[in-house]
Amino acid sequence: MPTDRRVLVLLVVALAAAAPAAALRLLCVGRACRDRDQVRTLVPYCSLPEAARQLLAAGFRDGRGPHILAVAGEMPVAGSDGTRTLAAPWPTDEPDRAGRIPLAFWGSGVAPGTEIPSGTRLDAVAPTVAQLIGLDRPHPGVRSGEAVPGVASDAEPRLVLLVAWKGVGSGDLETRRDAWPNLRGLVRRGAGTLDAEVGSVPLDPAAVLATVGTGGLPKDHGITGALVRNDRGRVVTAWGPGTPFSVIATLGDDLDELTDQAPRIGLVGTQTWDRGLIGGNWYIENDRDDVVLDRRTARQVAAAERLLSSGYGADEVPDLLAVAMDGPVPVMDQALGALVEAAQRATGGRVAVVLTATGSTAAPGALPAEAAEAALEADLGDVVEATAVGGFFLDQEAMATSGVTDDRVVSAARRLETPGEDRLLADVFPQIAVTFARYC
């Protein structure tokens, strides 16, 4: 090939590689086009601090989450259409400590006194449990999580009791140190820390529980929140009718598949999306797991005790019972104590207990997400199909009819103000900005 022709080909290839970044610069939404501290890129979303970008990217899966993503400013924003009962906070441009959570392992198969490193993410739970029960899960490369070193000992439990406190972070525990004696006992006698991390934002409980159950972050498992988009683009409830499956299998799925459906696997939760702790539908052939949903903690404990007495932990095939609860910490801690005692009785002491949480929902003075949605639709009309934690699902049919574009929604969301007439959202951007984050 002549030299001139080789040069021409190389130039075309270079321009093609640069095209996505150049196209994104033309979008110029949010704060991305401001000259702030000599930002070197005009790509949307890239002007956020790196720590914020990393957490947002970990919580994002293309095609599953909201069309328009938003980051709150000085005034907190909390809640969504799908989590009205638990007002999870929206992400901020300066990540706070809401995602700092407790993580404790105790019981049969757990080496007591093992140090859990600060910053251990929740995607470490499933691989650590797999080590506890001696399960070699297939396809480890599809999951981000790795087992916490040293937690698993030689003994193998007959049952894993996995308890998740929704809406709780370590900061909430530290303000009431006398309110969780049973959790403190697990940390002291087993392996535990108050310095674990969720590992992604938003702190939507549905996304976080799926991280615990699968061993992957939302970018891996695709359950980005209580509301997700299915293959037809419609907004559905995670783990409900018409919802897309988790992209990767849960520990419970693999446990059932690799042991010919022999284990007992159950969930006692408060909402449909708590199913992320156990899965149950990833493989084509699967049995029916035990699922009980009840919002009252006392009745959850009673339901778990009934399941335990029905044969959980009765043989050498390891079983899994997950319990997801919300409410006051003292009430949940008392329930934890009752659950541990019942599990020990059912297994003759051969139970491994795991306790963790989904992150704090404490956001004093937060603006309800419904108010942000109402203000946006007062400007543009009924273009929001649903509001998620940290963004908006858009009604594509309504937008086509009214002629409203994604860019107009971004601009309108950027204009939203607090009651004090300050800017409500620190940044707003279409999901494509996260998709092309590698150009930052």
Protein backbone atom coordinates (compact mmCIF):
# COMPACT_ATOMS: atom_id res chain seq x y z
CA MET A 1 0.00 0.00 0.00
CA PRO A 2 1.47 3.40 -0.91
CA THR A 3 2.54 5.61 1.97
CA ASP A 4 -0.08 8.29 1.24
CA ARG A 5 -2.86 5.72 1.29
CA ARG A 6 -1.68 4.28 4.64
CA VAL A 7 -1.72 7.75 6.16
CA LEU A 8 -5.24 8.35 4.86
CA VAL A 9 -6.52 5.06 6.35
CA LEU A 10 -4.97 5.82 9.75
CA LEU A 11 -6.57 9.28 9.74
CA VAL A 12 -10.03 7.84 8.99
CA VAL A 13 -9.67 5.27 11.80
CA ALA A 14 -8.62 7.95 14.28
CA LEU A 15 -11.58 10.15 13.37
CA ALA A 16 -13.98 7.24 13.73
CA ALA A 17 -12.66 6.42 17.19
CA ALA A 18 -13.06 10.02 18.28
CA ALA A 19 -16.59 10.39 16.86
CA PRO A 20 -18.57 9.21 19.94
CA ALA A 21 -16.76 11.61 22.23
CA ALA A 22 -17.21 14.46 19.78
CA ALA A 23 -20.90 13.68 19.44
CA LEU A 24 -21.33 13.70 23.20
CA ARG A 25 -19.62 17.06 23.48
CA LEU A 26 -22.25 18.45 21.14
CA LEU A 27 -24.98 17.41 23.63
CA CYS A 28 -23.53 19.83 26.15
CA VAL A 29 -26.11 19.20 28.90
CA GLY A 30 -26.00 19.60 32.67
CA ARG A 31 -22.92 21.35 33.99
CA ALA A 32 -20.62 19.54 31.60
CA CYS A 33 -19.95 22.60 29.40
CA ARG A 34 -18.99 24.90 32.23
CA ASP A 35 -15.37 25.82 32.60
CA ARG A 36 -15.10 24.63 36.17
CA ASP A 37 -11.61 24.23 37.57
CA GLN A 38 -10.29 23.90 34.02
CA VAL A 39 -12.24 20.72 33.33
CA ARG A 40 -10.49 19.08 30.39
CA THR A 41 -13.60 17.56 28.84
CA LEU A 42 -17.01 18.83 27.77
CA VAL A 43 -18.63 15.38 27.84
CA PRO A 44 -21.83 15.34 29.96
CA TYR A 45 -21.52 13.69 33.38
CA CYS A 46 -17.73 13.81 33.16
CA SER A 47 -17.56 17.06 35.11
CA LEU A 48 -18.71 15.24 38.25
CA PRO A 49 -16.00 14.24 40.74
CA GLU A 50 -14.43 10.88 39.92
CA ALA A 51 -15.78 9.21 43.08
CA ALA A 52 -19.32 10.21 42.14
CA ARG A 53 -18.87 8.98 38.57
CA GLN A 54 -17.56 5.61 39.71
CA LEU A 55 -20.51 5.00 42.03
CA LEU A 56 -23.01 6.09 39.39
CA ALA A 57 -21.42 3.86 36.76
CA ALA A 58 -21.47 0.89 39.16
CA GLY A 59 -25.22 1.41 39.65
CA PHE A 60 -25.99 1.76 35.93
CA ARG A 61 -27.01 -0.80 33.31
CA ASP A 62 -27.77 0.40 29.80
CA GLY A 63 -31.43 -0.03 28.88
CA ARG A 64 -32.62 -0.86 32.40
CA GLY A 65 -32.64 2.41 34.32
CA PRO A 66 -34.17 5.87 33.84
CA HIS A 67 -33.86 7.73 30.54
CA ILE A 68 -32.75 10.88 32.37
CA LEU A 69 -30.41 10.68 35.38
CA ALA A 70 -30.04 13.39 38.01
CA VAL A 71 -27.70 14.23 40.85
CA ALA A 72 -29.02 16.24 43.79
CA GLY A 73 -27.42 19.46 44.96
CA GLU A 74 -27.28 20.95 48.44
CA MET A 75 -30.93 20.11 49.18
CA PRO A 76 -31.42 16.33 49.38
CA VAL A 77 -34.00 14.64 47.17
CA ALA A 78 -35.48 11.33 48.28
CA GLY A 79 -37.88 8.66 47.09
CA SER A 80 -39.45 7.39 43.88
CA ASP A 81 -42.68 5.98 42.52
CA GLY A 82 -41.46 2.50 43.34
CA THR A 83 -40.17 3.04 46.89
CA ARG A 84 -42.75 5.26 48.50
CA THR A 85 -42.50 3.25 51.71
CA LEU A 86 -38.74 3.75 51.92
CA ALA A 87 -37.51 7.13 50.71
CA ALA A 88 -34.05 6.28 49.42
CA PRO A 89 -31.82 9.33 48.81
CA TRP A 90 -30.85 10.44 45.31
CA PRO A 91 -27.13 10.50 44.47
CA THR A 92 -25.22 13.72 45.11
CA ASP A 93 -22.25 15.27 43.35
CA GLU A 94 -20.18 14.84 46.51
CA PRO A 95 -20.87 11.30 47.75
CA ASP A 96 -21.67 11.25 51.46
CA ARG A 97 -21.45 8.33 53.86
CA ALA A 98 -25.02 7.06 53.39
CA GLY A 99 -23.61 4.01 51.58
CA ARG A 100 -21.43 2.99 54.54
CA ILE A 101 -23.05 -0.08 56.05
CA PRO A 102 -22.54 -2.90 58.57
CA LEU A 103 -21.44 -6.35 57.45
CA ALA A 104 -21.15 -9.31 59.82
CA PHE A 105 -20.53 -13.07 59.44
CA TRP A 106 -20.97 -15.42 62.39
CA GLY A 107 -21.54 -19.09 63.16
CA SER A 108 -20.71 -22.43 61.62
CA GLY A 109 -18.03 -22.16 58.95
CA VAL A 110 -16.97 -18.63 59.95
CA ALA A 111 -13.45 -18.07 61.29
CA PRO A 112 -13.99 -15.81 64.34
CA GLY A 113 -11.93 -12.68 64.64
CA THR A 114 -11.26 -12.35 60.92
CA GLU A 115 -10.73 -8.74 59.91
CA ILE A 116 -13.05 -7.45 57.22
CA PRO A 117 -11.19 -4.69 55.39
CA SER A 118 -12.67 -1.21 55.44
CA GLY A 119 -14.47 -0.48 52.19
CA THR A 120 -15.47 -4.09 51.52
CA ARG A 121 -18.38 -3.92 49.08
CA LEU A 122 -21.62 -5.83 49.26
CA ASP A 123 -20.78 -7.78 46.11
CA ALA A 124 -18.39 -9.70 48.38
CA VAL A 125 -21.27 -11.30 50.34
CA ALA A 126 -22.35 -13.96 47.82
CA PRO A 127 -18.82 -15.20 46.99
CA THR A 128 -17.99 -15.34 50.70
CA VAL A 129 -21.14 -17.36 51.41
CA ALA A 130 -20.26 -19.65 48.50
CA GLN A 131 -16.93 -20.37 50.21
CA LEU A 132 -18.70 -21.01 53.53
CA ILE A 133 -20.88 -23.73 51.99
CA GLY A 134 -18.24 -25.10 49.62
CA LEU A 135 -20.06 -24.07 46.44
CA ASP A 136 -17.96 -23.55 43.29
CA ARG A 137 -20.10 -21.14 41.26
CA PRO A 138 -19.71 -21.15 37.47
CA HIS A 139 -18.64 -18.16 35.37
CA PRO A 140 -16.91 -16.08 38.08
CA GLY A 141 -15.84 -13.54 35.47
CA VAL A 142 -19.38 -12.15 35.07
CA ARG A 143 -19.47 -10.96 38.68
CA SER A 144 -17.48 -8.11 40.19
CA GLY A 145 -17.41 -9.46 43.75
CA GLU A 146 -14.69 -11.49 45.42
CA ALA A 147 -14.82 -13.37 48.72
CA VAL A 148 -13.52 -11.69 51.85
CA PRO A 149 -10.23 -13.48 52.58
CA GLY A 150 -10.07 -15.63 55.70
CA VAL A 151 -13.76 -15.61 56.66
CA ALA A 152 -14.52 -19.21 55.64
CA SER A 153 -13.21 -22.03 57.85
CA ASP A 154 -13.21 -25.80 57.27
CA ALA A 155 -16.64 -26.42 58.82
CA GLU A 156 -19.64 -26.20 56.49
CA PRO A 157 -23.03 -24.99 57.77
CA ARG A 158 -26.30 -26.72 56.99
CA LEU A 159 -28.05 -23.36 56.67
CA VAL A 160 -27.15 -19.80 55.78
CA LEU A 161 -29.39 -17.18 57.40
CA LEU A 162 -29.00 -13.93 55.46
CA VAL A 163 -30.58 -10.87 57.08
CA ALA A 164 -30.73 -7.45 55.40
CA TRP A 165 -31.84 -4.25 57.15
CA LYS A 166 -33.32 -1.92 54.57
CA GLY A 167 -32.82 1.83 54.88
CA VAL A 168 -30.05 1.56 57.48
CA GLY A 169 -26.46 2.74 57.34
CA SER A 170 -23.61 2.61 59.83
CA GLY A 171 -24.18 6.26 60.71
CA ASP A 172 -27.67 5.37 61.92
CA LEU A 173 -26.21 2.67 64.16
CA GLU A 174 -23.55 4.95 65.58
CA THR A 175 -26.15 7.45 66.77
CA ARG A 176 -27.87 4.68 68.81
CA ARG A 177 -25.08 2.40 69.98
CA ASP A 178 -27.31 0.78 72.62
CA ALA A 179 -30.01 -0.15 70.10
CA TRP A 180 -28.39 -3.17 68.41
CA PRO A 181 -26.92 -5.59 71.00
CA ASN A 182 -27.57 -8.67 68.85
CA LEU A 183 -25.71 -7.25 65.86
CA ARG A 184 -22.89 -6.17 68.17
CA GLY A 185 -22.65 -9.74 69.41
CA LEU A 186 -22.29 -11.06 65.87
CA VAL A 187 -19.52 -8.56 65.12
CA ARG A 188 -17.70 -9.33 68.36
CA ARG A 189 -17.90 -13.13 68.17
CA GLY A 190 -17.59 -13.52 64.40
CA ALA A 191 -16.17 -11.34 61.64
CA GLY A 192 -17.71 -7.92 61.18
CA THR A 193 -17.28 -4.24 60.44
CA LEU A 194 -19.26 -1.02 60.31
CA ASP A 195 -17.07 0.21 57.46
CA ALA A 196 -18.37 -1.87 54.55
CA GLU A 197 -19.74 -0.07 51.48
CA VAL A 198 -22.73 -0.64 49.23
CA GLY A 199 -20.48 0.03 46.24
CA SER A 200 -22.95 1.83 43.97
CA VAL A 201 -25.61 4.53 43.84
CA PRO A 202 -28.51 5.13 43.93
CA LEU A 203 -29.13 3.38 47.25
CA ASP A 204 -32.35 1.86 45.98
CA PRO A 205 -32.97 -1.22 48.17
CA ALA A 206 -33.96 -3.35 45.17
CA ALA A 207 -30.59 -2.72 43.51
CA VAL A 208 -28.63 -3.25 46.70
CA LEU A 209 -30.38 -6.51 47.63
CA ALA A 210 -29.69 -7.89 44.16
CA THR A 211 -26.02 -7.02 44.68
CA VAL A 212 -26.05 -9.03 47.92
CA GLY A 213 -27.81 -11.94 46.23
CA THR A 214 -25.74 -12.15 43.05
CA GLY A 215 -22.26 -11.04 44.04
CA GLY A 216 -22.26 -8.43 41.28
CA LEU A 217 -22.98 -4.71 41.22
CA PRO A 218 -26.02 -3.31 39.35
CA LYS A 219 -23.83 -2.80 36.27
CA ASP A 220 -23.50 -6.61 36.29
CA HIS A 221 -26.93 -7.82 37.42
CA GLY A 222 -29.08 -5.12 35.81
CA ILE A 223 -31.58 -4.63 38.66
CA THR A 224 -30.91 -0.90 38.89
CA GLY A 225 -33.84 -0.16 41.20
CA ALA A 226 -37.36 -1.05 42.26
CA LEU A 227 -38.47 0.15 38.83
CA VAL A 228 -36.73 -1.12 35.69
CA ARG A 229 -37.36 -1.07 31.96
CA ASN A 230 -38.22 -4.36 30.31
CA ASP A 231 -37.32 -5.43 26.77
CA ARG A 232 -40.31 -3.50 25.40
CA GLY A 233 -39.20 -0.31 27.10
CA ARG A 234 -42.05 -0.32 29.64
CA VAL A 235 -41.47 0.45 33.30
CA VAL A 236 -42.16 -2.53 35.55
CA THR A 237 -41.53 -3.54 39.15
CA ALA A 238 -38.30 -5.45 39.67
CA TRP A 239 -38.91 -9.21 40.08
CA GLY A 240 -42.61 -8.69 39.30
CA PRO A 241 -44.72 -9.70 36.28
CA GLY A 242 -43.16 -8.75 32.95
CA THR A 243 -39.88 -7.75 34.53
CA PRO A 244 -36.55 -8.62 32.89
CA PHE A 245 -34.50 -11.27 34.63
CA SER A 246 -31.33 -10.48 36.47
CA VAL A 247 -28.50 -10.52 33.94
CA ILE A 248 -26.50 -12.88 36.16
CA ALA A 249 -27.60 -15.68 38.46
CA THR A 250 -27.97 -15.27 42.20
CA LEU A 251 -26.17 -17.49 44.67
CA GLY A 252 -29.53 -19.17 45.34
CA ASP A 253 -29.98 -19.90 41.63
CA ASP A 254 -26.55 -21.52 41.39
CA LEU A 255 -27.02 -23.43 44.64
CA ASP A 256 -30.25 -24.97 43.35
CA GLU A 257 -28.85 -25.71 39.88
CA LEU A 258 -25.62 -27.31 41.07
CA THR A 259 -27.30 -29.55 43.65
CA ASP A 260 -30.26 -30.74 41.55
CA GLN A 261 -32.82 -28.53 43.32
CA ALA A 262 -32.13 -30.30 46.62
CA PRO A 263 -31.71 -27.23 48.88
CA ARG A 264 -34.50 -25.41 50.65
CA ILE A 265 -34.34 -21.75 49.63
CA GLY A 266 -36.65 -19.13 51.05
CA LEU A 267 -37.29 -15.42 51.38
CA VAL A 268 -39.18 -13.49 54.02
CA GLY A 269 -39.40 -9.90 52.83
CA THR A 270 -41.56 -6.81 52.69
CA GLN A 271 -41.70 -6.10 48.94
CA THR A 272 -41.60 -8.01 45.65
CA TRP A 273 -38.16 -6.63 44.79
CA ASP A 274 -36.61 -8.21 47.88
CA ARG A 275 -36.49 -11.31 45.68
CA GLY A 276 -33.04 -10.16 44.55
CA LEU A 277 -31.64 -11.84 47.67
CA ILE A 278 -32.48 -15.33 46.38
CA GLY A 279 -33.46 -15.05 42.69
CA GLY A 280 -35.27 -18.17 41.59
CA ASN A 281 -35.89 -17.74 37.87
CA TRP A 282 -32.52 -17.55 36.14
CA TYR A 283 -32.26 -21.18 35.06
CA ILE A 284 -34.93 -22.68 32.80
CA GLU A 285 -35.58 -25.63 35.09
CA ASN A 286 -36.08 -24.55 38.68
CA ASP A 287 -38.22 -25.45 41.64
CA ARG A 288 -40.47 -23.10 43.55
CA ASP A 289 -38.77 -21.31 46.43
CA ASP A 290 -40.57 -20.31 49.62
CA VAL A 291 -41.52 -16.62 49.51
CA VAL A 292 -43.44 -14.76 52.22
CA LEU A 293 -44.05 -11.00 52.05
CA ASP A 294 -45.20 -9.10 55.14
CA ARG A 295 -44.40 -5.57 56.31
CA ARG A 296 -44.80 -6.32 60.02
CA THR A 297 -41.53 -7.42 61.60
CA ALA A 298 -43.13 -9.66 64.22
CA ARG A 299 -45.03 -11.56 61.56
CA GLN A 300 -41.87 -11.86 59.48
CA VAL A 301 -40.14 -13.56 62.42
CA ALA A 302 -43.07 -15.91 62.86
CA ALA A 303 -43.02 -16.79 59.15
CA ALA A 304 -39.28 -17.45 59.25
CA GLU A 305 -39.67 -19.65 62.31
CA ARG A 306 -42.33 -21.71 60.51
CA LEU A 307 -40.04 -22.21 57.53
CA LEU A 308 -37.15 -23.19 59.77
CA SER A 309 -39.27 -25.77 61.57
CA SER A 310 -40.37 -27.27 58.23
CA GLY A 311 -36.96 -28.74 57.48
CA TYR A 312 -34.47 -25.97 56.75
CA GLY A 313 -31.01 -27.10 57.83
CA ALA A 314 -32.18 -30.65 58.49
CA ASP A 315 -29.66 -32.43 56.21
CA GLU A 316 -26.17 -32.01 54.83
CA VAL A 317 -27.31 -30.13 51.73
CA PRO A 318 -26.90 -26.43 52.63
CA ASP A 319 -30.09 -24.34 52.64
CA LEU A 320 -30.55 -20.59 52.31
CA LEU A 321 -33.08 -18.43 54.14
CA ALA A 322 -33.02 -14.68 53.47
CA VAL A 323 -34.92 -12.12 55.52
CA ALA A 324 -35.28 -8.48 54.39
CA MET A 325 -36.89 -6.12 56.87
CA ASP A 326 -37.26 -2.42 57.53
CA GLY A 327 -38.27 -0.38 60.55
CA PRO A 328 -36.70 0.96 63.75
CA VAL A 329 -33.25 -0.47 64.45
CA PRO A 330 -34.15 -1.73 67.97
CA VAL A 331 -37.10 -3.68 66.56
CA MET A 332 -35.03 -5.21 63.76
CA ASP A 333 -32.21 -6.07 66.15
CA GLN A 334 -34.63 -7.86 68.47
CA ALA A 335 -35.94 -9.76 65.44
CA LEU A 336 -32.36 -10.66 64.50
CA GLY A 337 -31.84 -12.26 67.90
CA ALA A 338 -35.02 -14.31 67.57
CA LEU A 339 -34.09 -15.44 64.05
CA VAL A 340 -30.61 -16.56 65.10
CA GLU A 341 -31.99 -18.58 68.02
CA ALA A 342 -34.58 -20.27 65.81
CA ALA A 343 -31.97 -21.08 63.17
CA GLN A 344 -29.64 -22.59 65.76
CA ARG A 345 -32.44 -24.81 67.08
CA ALA A 346 -33.37 -25.96 63.56
CA THR A 347 -29.79 -26.87 62.60
CA GLY A 348 -28.32 -28.07 65.87
CA GLY A 349 -26.02 -25.05 65.82
CA ARG A 350 -24.82 -25.53 62.25
CA VAL A 351 -25.96 -22.18 60.91
CA ALA A 352 -23.95 -19.36 59.38
CA VAL A 353 -25.48 -15.91 59.89
CA VAL A 354 -24.86 -12.93 57.62
CA LEU A 355 -26.15 -9.46 58.49
CA THR A 356 -25.92 -6.40 56.31
CA ALA A 357 -27.94 -3.34 55.26
CA THR A 358 -28.85 -1.30 52.18
CA GLY A 359 -27.65 2.16 53.23
CA SER A 360 -29.13 5.06 55.13
CA THR A 361 -32.32 6.82 54.10
CA ALA A 362 -31.86 9.55 56.70
CA ALA A 363 -32.07 12.81 54.72
CA PRO A 364 -33.36 15.67 56.90
CA GLY A 365 -35.12 18.34 54.89
CA ALA A 366 -35.21 16.24 51.73
CA LEU A 367 -37.54 17.24 48.91
CA PRO A 368 -39.86 14.33 47.99
CA ALA A 369 -39.22 12.99 44.51
CA GLU A 370 -42.93 13.42 43.74
CA ALA A 371 -42.48 17.19 44.07
CA ALA A 372 -39.67 17.20 41.51
CA GLU A 373 -41.79 15.12 39.12
CA ALA A 374 -44.78 17.44 39.57
CA ALA A 375 -42.67 20.53 38.87
CA LEU A 376 -41.18 18.93 35.76
CA GLU A 377 -44.59 17.98 34.36
CA ALA A 378 -46.00 21.43 35.17
CA ASP A 379 -43.44 22.71 32.69
CA LEU A 380 -43.58 19.99 30.01
CA GLY A 381 -46.87 18.14 30.45
CA ASP A 382 -47.33 14.44 31.27
CA VAL A 383 -44.03 13.20 29.89
CA VAL A 384 -42.80 11.25 32.94
CA GLU A 385 -43.87 7.62 32.98
CA ALA A 386 -42.31 7.03 36.41
CA THR A 387 -39.80 8.59 38.77
CA ALA A 388 -36.93 6.44 39.99
CA VAL A 389 -34.40 7.04 42.73
CA GLY A 390 -32.09 9.41 40.87
CA GLY A 391 -33.92 10.01 37.63
CA PHE A 392 -36.97 9.93 35.39
CA PHE A 393 -38.41 7.30 33.07
CA LEU A 394 -39.94 9.14 30.11
CA ASP A 395 -43.23 8.31 28.41
CA GLN A 396 -42.06 7.95 24.82
CA GLU A 397 -45.58 7.95 23.35
CA ALA A 398 -46.56 11.12 25.20
CA MET A 399 -43.32 12.82 24.15
CA ALA A 400 -43.85 11.89 20.52
CA THR A 401 -47.37 13.28 20.63
CA SER A 402 -46.37 16.55 22.30
CA GLY A 403 -43.08 16.99 20.44
CA VAL A 404 -41.03 17.10 23.65
CA THR A 405 -37.47 15.83 23.23
CA ASP A 406 -35.03 14.35 25.72
CA ASP A 407 -32.98 17.55 25.50
CA ARG A 408 -36.00 19.61 26.55
CA VAL A 409 -36.53 17.34 29.56
CA VAL A 410 -32.88 17.71 30.54
CA SER A 411 -33.11 21.50 30.24
CA ALA A 412 -36.34 21.65 32.23
CA ALA A 413 -34.92 19.41 34.97
CA ARG A 414 -31.85 21.62 35.12
CA ARG A 415 -34.13 24.60 35.80
CA LEU A 416 -35.86 22.99 38.80
CA GLU A 417 -35.44 25.05 41.95
CA THR A 418 -35.57 24.50 45.68
CA PRO A 419 -38.12 26.43 47.78
CA GLY A 420 -35.30 28.91 48.37
CA GLU A 421 -34.96 29.39 44.59
CA ASP A 422 -31.59 27.67 44.42
CA ARG A 423 -30.84 25.10 41.78
CA LEU A 424 -32.30 21.76 42.91
CA LEU A 425 -30.22 19.35 40.84
CA ALA A 426 -26.45 19.63 40.64
CA ASP A 427 -26.37 17.86 37.28
CA VAL A 428 -28.78 16.23 34.84
CA PHE A 429 -27.82 14.07 31.89
CA PRO A 430 -29.22 11.42 29.53
CA GLN A 431 -28.21 7.84 30.20
CA ILE A 432 -25.98 7.82 27.10
CA ALA A 433 -23.57 10.03 29.03
CA VAL A 434 -22.84 7.14 31.42
CA THR A 435 -22.72 4.64 28.58
CA PHE A 436 -19.82 6.61 27.07
CA ALA A 437 -18.13 7.38 30.39
CA ARG A 438 -14.90 5.80 29.16
CA TYR A 439 -14.33 8.98 27.16
CA CYS A 440 -14.07 11.07 30.33
